[in-house]
Amino acid sequence: MAKTEENIKSSEDFIRGVLERNFKQSVDPEALRAAAEKLCAALPERQREAA
C-alpha cells in the first residue's frame, strides 16, 4: 500500500473508529496521524500479477 494521503486518511479513520468503538477513547490528532503513517508503512505493497 503506497503511503498516499488517501491511505493515511483511511488509516486514521480506521484507528479512530476502533478506539472509539472498543475502548471509548479519543486520540490526539497528531498522535493519530503518526499512528496512521506507521500503519501505512507497515503494510506490504501489493505485488503486481505477472501477465
C-alpha atoms as a PDB file:
ATOM      1  CA  MET A   1       0.000   0.000   0.000  1.00  0.00           C
ATOM      2  CA  ALA A   2       1.529   3.262  -1.059  1.00  0.00           C
ATOM      3  CA  LYS A   3       1.898   5.969   1.545  1.00  0.00           C
ATOM      4  CA  THR A   4      -0.555   8.373  -0.023  1.00  0.00           C
ATOM      5  CA  GLU A   5      -2.702  10.971   1.669  1.00  0.00           C
ATOM      6  CA  GLU A   6      -5.797   8.889   0.886  1.00  0.00           C
ATOM      7  CA  ASN A   7      -4.317   5.791   2.532  1.00  0.00           C
ATOM      8  CA  ILE A   8      -3.230   7.778   5.578  1.00  0.00           C
ATOM      9  CA  LYS A   9      -6.727   9.278   5.904  1.00  0.00           C
ATOM     10  CA  SER A  10      -8.299   5.813   5.668  1.00  0.00           C
ATOM     11  CA  SER A  11      -5.911   4.532   8.316  1.00  0.00           C
ATOM     12  CA  GLU A  12      -6.757   7.466  10.588  1.00  0.00           C
ATOM     13  CA  ASP A  13     -10.464   6.697  10.210  1.00  0.00           C
ATOM     14  CA  PHE A  14      -9.860   3.021  10.963  1.00  0.00           C
ATOM     15  CA  ILE A  15      -7.750   3.688  14.069  1.00  0.00           C
ATOM     16  CA  ARG A  16     -10.169   6.342  15.360  1.00  0.00           C
ATOM     17  CA  GLY A  17     -13.138   4.012  14.861  1.00  0.00           C
ATOM     18  CA  VAL A  18     -11.516   1.077  16.645  1.00  0.00           C
ATOM     19  CA  LEU A  19     -10.507   3.189  19.619  1.00  0.00           C
ATOM     20  CA  GLU A  20     -13.922   4.844  19.907  1.00  0.00           C
ATOM     21  CA  ARG A  21     -15.993   1.664  19.498  1.00  0.00           C
ATOM     22  CA  ASN A  22     -13.897  -0.752  21.517  1.00  0.00           C
ATOM     23  CA  PHE A  23     -12.229   1.416  24.123  1.00  0.00           C
ATOM     24  CA  LYS A  24     -14.383   4.577  24.292  1.00  0.00           C
ATOM     25  CA  GLN A  25     -11.247   6.665  23.759  1.00  0.00           C
ATOM     26  CA  SER A  26     -10.440   9.692  21.667  1.00  0.00           C
ATOM     27  CA  VAL A  27      -6.986  10.388  20.271  1.00  0.00           C
ATOM     28  CA  ASP A  28      -4.879  13.499  19.821  1.00  0.00           C
ATOM     29  CA  PRO A  29      -4.884  14.318  16.060  1.00  0.00           C
ATOM     30  CA  GLU A  30      -1.080  14.415  15.896  1.00  0.00           C
ATOM     31  CA  ALA A  31      -0.765  11.020  17.572  1.00  0.00           C
ATOM     32  CA  LEU A  32      -3.459   9.649  15.277  1.00  0.00           C
ATOM     33  CA  ARG A  33      -1.608  10.932  12.213  1.00  0.00           C
ATOM     34  CA  ALA A  34       1.667   9.380  13.384  1.00  0.00           C
ATOM     35  CA  ALA A  35      -0.024   6.029  14.039  1.00  0.00           C
ATOM     36  CA  ALA A  36      -1.705   6.093  10.616  1.00  0.00           C
ATOM     37  CA  GLU A  37       1.613   6.801   8.891  1.00  0.00           C
ATOM     38  CA  LYS A  38       3.231   3.895  10.762  1.00  0.00           C
ATOM     39  CA  LEU A  39       0.348   1.616   9.818  1.00  0.00           C
ATOM     40  CA  CYS A  40       0.675   2.524   6.128  1.00  0.00           C
ATOM     41  CA  ALA A  41       4.432   1.991   6.244  1.00  0.00           C
ATOM     42  CA  ALA A  42       3.997  -1.430   7.872  1.00  0.00           C
ATOM     43  CA  LEU A  43       1.611  -2.803   5.271  1.00  0.00           C
ATOM     44  CA  PRO A  44       3.297  -4.576   2.349  1.00  0.00           C
ATOM     45  CA  GLU A  45       2.767  -3.178  -1.105  1.00  0.00           C
ATOM     46  CA  ARG A  46       0.611  -5.254  -3.405  1.00  0.00           C
ATOM     47  CA  GLN A  47       2.591  -7.373  -5.756  1.00  0.00           C
ATOM     48  CA  ARG A  48       1.780  -6.971  -9.407  1.00  0.00           C
ATOM     49  CA  GLU A  49       0.444 -10.057 -11.075  1.00  0.00           C
ATOM     50  CA  ALA A  50       2.572 -11.451 -13.884  1.00  0.00           C
ATOM     51  CA  ALA A  51       0.804 -11.001 -17.187  1.00  0.00           C
END
